[in-house]
C-alpha atoms as a PDB file:
ATOM      1  CA  UNK A   1       6.940  20.225   4.047  1.00  0.00           C
ATOM      2  CA  UNK A   2       9.302  17.531   2.821  1.00  0.00           C
ATOM      3  CA  UNK A   3       8.447  18.127  -0.827  1.00  0.00           C
ATOM      4  CA  UNK A   4       9.861  21.650  -0.684  1.00  0.00           C
ATOM      5  CA  UNK A   5      12.956  20.428   1.133  1.00  0.00           C
ATOM      6  CA  UNK A   6      13.385  17.631  -1.408  1.00  0.00           C
ATOM      7  CA  UNK A   7      13.133  19.999  -4.357  1.00  0.00           C
ATOM      8  CA  UNK A   8      15.610  22.399  -2.750  1.00  0.00           C
ATOM      9  CA  UNK A   9      18.084  19.573  -2.135  1.00  0.00           C
ATOM     10  CA  UNK A  10      17.692  18.367  -5.719  1.00  0.00           C
ATOM     11  CA  UNK A  11      18.381  21.836  -7.108  1.00  0.00           C
ATOM     12  CA  UNK A  12      21.373  22.461  -4.847  1.00  0.00           C
ATOM     13  CA  UNK A  13      22.752  19.013  -5.646  1.00  0.00           C
ATOM     14  CA  UNK A  14      22.354  19.541  -9.388  1.00  0.00           C
ATOM     15  CA  UNK A  15      24.133  22.887  -9.202  1.00  0.00           C
ATOM     16  CA  UNK A  16      26.989  21.381  -7.210  1.00  0.00           C
ATOM     17  CA  UNK A  17      27.275  18.355  -9.503  1.00  0.00           C
ATOM     18  CA  UNK A  18      26.856  19.894 -12.931  1.00  0.00           C
ATOM     19  CA  UNK A  19      27.310  23.667 -12.830  1.00  0.00           C
ATOM     20  CA  UNK A  20      30.312  24.270 -10.591  1.00  0.00           C
ATOM     21  CA  UNK A  21      33.675  23.198 -11.946  1.00  0.00           C
ATOM     22  CA  UNK A  22      35.490  20.391 -10.201  1.00  0.00           C
ATOM     23  CA  UNK A  23      38.512  22.594  -9.591  1.00  0.00           C
ATOM     24  CA  UNK A  24      36.577  25.313  -7.718  1.00  0.00           C
ATOM     25  CA  UNK A  25      37.751  24.076  -4.315  1.00  0.00           C
ATOM     26  CA  UNK A  26      40.827  21.945  -3.801  1.00  0.00           C
ATOM     27  CA  UNK A  27      40.387  18.829  -1.709  1.00  0.00           C
ATOM     28  CA  UNK A  28      36.573  18.897  -1.821  1.00  0.00           C
ATOM     29  CA  UNK A  29      34.721  16.743  -4.321  1.00  0.00           C
ATOM     30  CA  UNK A  30      31.726  18.962  -5.080  1.00  0.00           C
ATOM     31  CA  UNK A  31      30.358  16.496  -7.600  1.00  0.00           C
ATOM     32  CA  UNK A  32      30.010  13.788  -4.939  1.00  0.00           C
ATOM     33  CA  UNK A  33      28.474  16.249  -2.468  1.00  0.00           C
ATOM     34  CA  UNK A  34      25.976  17.213  -5.172  1.00  0.00           C
ATOM     35  CA  UNK A  35      25.030  13.582  -5.746  1.00  0.00           C
ATOM     36  CA  UNK A  36      24.549  13.118  -1.999  1.00  0.00           C
ATOM     37  CA  UNK A  37      22.276  16.191  -1.880  1.00  0.00           C
ATOM     38  CA  UNK A  38      20.259  14.887  -4.830  1.00  0.00           C
ATOM     39  CA  UNK A  39      19.855  11.487  -3.156  1.00  0.00           C
ATOM     40  CA  UNK A  40      18.664  13.229   0.008  1.00  0.00           C
ATOM     41  CA  UNK A  41      16.196  15.254  -2.069  1.00  0.00           C
ATOM     42  CA  UNK A  42      14.763  12.141  -3.692  1.00  0.00           C
ATOM     43  CA  UNK A  43      14.495  10.481  -0.281  1.00  0.00           C
ATOM     44  CA  UNK A  44      12.697  13.518   1.189  1.00  0.00           C
ATOM     45  CA  UNK A  45      10.197  13.569  -1.682  1.00  0.00           C
ATOM     46  CA  UNK A  46       9.536   9.833  -1.412  1.00  0.00           C
ATOM     47  CA  UNK A  47       9.041  10.083   2.353  1.00  0.00           C
ATOM     48  CA  UNK A  48       6.605  12.947   1.908  1.00  0.00           C
ATOM     49  CA  UNK A  49       4.537  10.881  -0.523  1.00  0.00           C
ATOM     50  CA  UNK A  50       4.568   7.786   1.700  1.00  0.00           C
ATOM     51  CA  UNK A  51       3.797   9.642   4.937  1.00  0.00           C
ATOM     52  CA  UNK A  52       1.099  11.903   3.456  1.00  0.00           C
ATOM     53  CA  UNK A  53      -1.896  10.175   5.090  1.00  0.00           C
ATOM     54  CA  UNK A  54      -0.243   9.630   8.450  1.00  0.00           C
ATOM     55  CA  UNK A  55      -1.469  12.661  10.307  1.00  0.00           C
ATOM     56  CA  UNK A  56      -2.706  12.896  13.842  1.00  0.00           C
ATOM     57  CA  UNK A  57      -5.548  10.535  14.537  1.00  0.00           C
ATOM     58  CA  UNK A  58      -8.290  10.822  17.083  1.00  0.00           C
ATOM     59  CA  UNK A  59     -12.000  11.249  17.292  1.00  0.00           C
ATOM     60  CA  UNK A  60     -14.690  13.849  17.079  1.00  0.00           C
ATOM     61  CA  UNK A  61     -17.670  13.910  19.308  1.00  0.00           C
ATOM     62  CA  UNK A  62     -21.033  15.552  19.020  1.00  0.00           C
ATOM     63  CA  UNK A  63     -23.161  16.115  22.096  1.00  0.00           C
ATOM     64  CA  UNK A  64     -26.902  16.413  21.760  1.00  0.00           C
ATOM     65  CA  UNK A  65     -29.210  17.332  24.620  1.00  0.00           C
ATOM     66  CA  UNK A  66     -32.764  15.981  24.307  1.00  0.00           C
ATOM     67  CA  UNK A  67     -35.888  16.172  26.410  1.00  0.00           C
ATOM     68  CA  UNK A  68     -38.277  13.249  26.804  1.00  0.00           C
ATOM     69  CA  UNK A  69     -41.678  14.469  25.594  1.00  0.00           C
ATOM     70  CA  UNK A  70     -43.663  12.269  28.024  1.00  0.00           C
ATOM     71  CA  UNK A  71     -41.785  12.870  31.251  1.00  0.00           C
ATOM     72  CA  UNK A  72     -39.935  16.091  30.507  1.00  0.00           C
ATOM     73  CA  UNK A  73     -36.630  14.566  31.653  1.00  0.00           C
ATOM     74  CA  UNK A  74     -33.517  15.853  30.004  1.00  0.00           C
ATOM     75  CA  UNK A  75     -30.818  13.480  28.759  1.00  0.00           C
ATOM     76  CA  UNK A  76     -27.622  13.852  26.786  1.00  0.00           C
ATOM     77  CA  UNK A  77     -26.478  11.791  23.811  1.00  0.00           C
ATOM     78  CA  UNK A  78     -22.856  11.631  22.763  1.00  0.00           C
ATOM     79  CA  UNK A  79     -22.056  10.569  19.195  1.00  0.00           C
ATOM     80  CA  UNK A  80     -18.405   9.616  18.683  1.00  0.00           C
ATOM     81  CA  UNK A  81     -16.895   9.368  15.196  1.00  0.00           C
ATOM     82  CA  UNK A  82     -13.385   8.033  14.735  1.00  0.00           C
ATOM     83  CA  UNK A  83     -11.167  10.114  12.508  1.00  0.00           C
ATOM     84  CA  UNK A  84      -9.729   7.878   9.820  1.00  0.00           C
END
């Protein structure tokens, strides 16, 4: 999710910094706003790469019902595997 946001911010920042003339709007420094957008884009991409493996954690369980062949009693086994 953050990679797409980061790329969009980089593109918008580059357009504001390099493609639009500095005199397009008086009193607003579009070049600086573009640099800020590009820095936010780089930060979003870096965060997405760092946080990639930090998803929800938990466990999975598998229930198995068995029957004792000698007595005929039924018992349940629960196998629990931790997710990463």
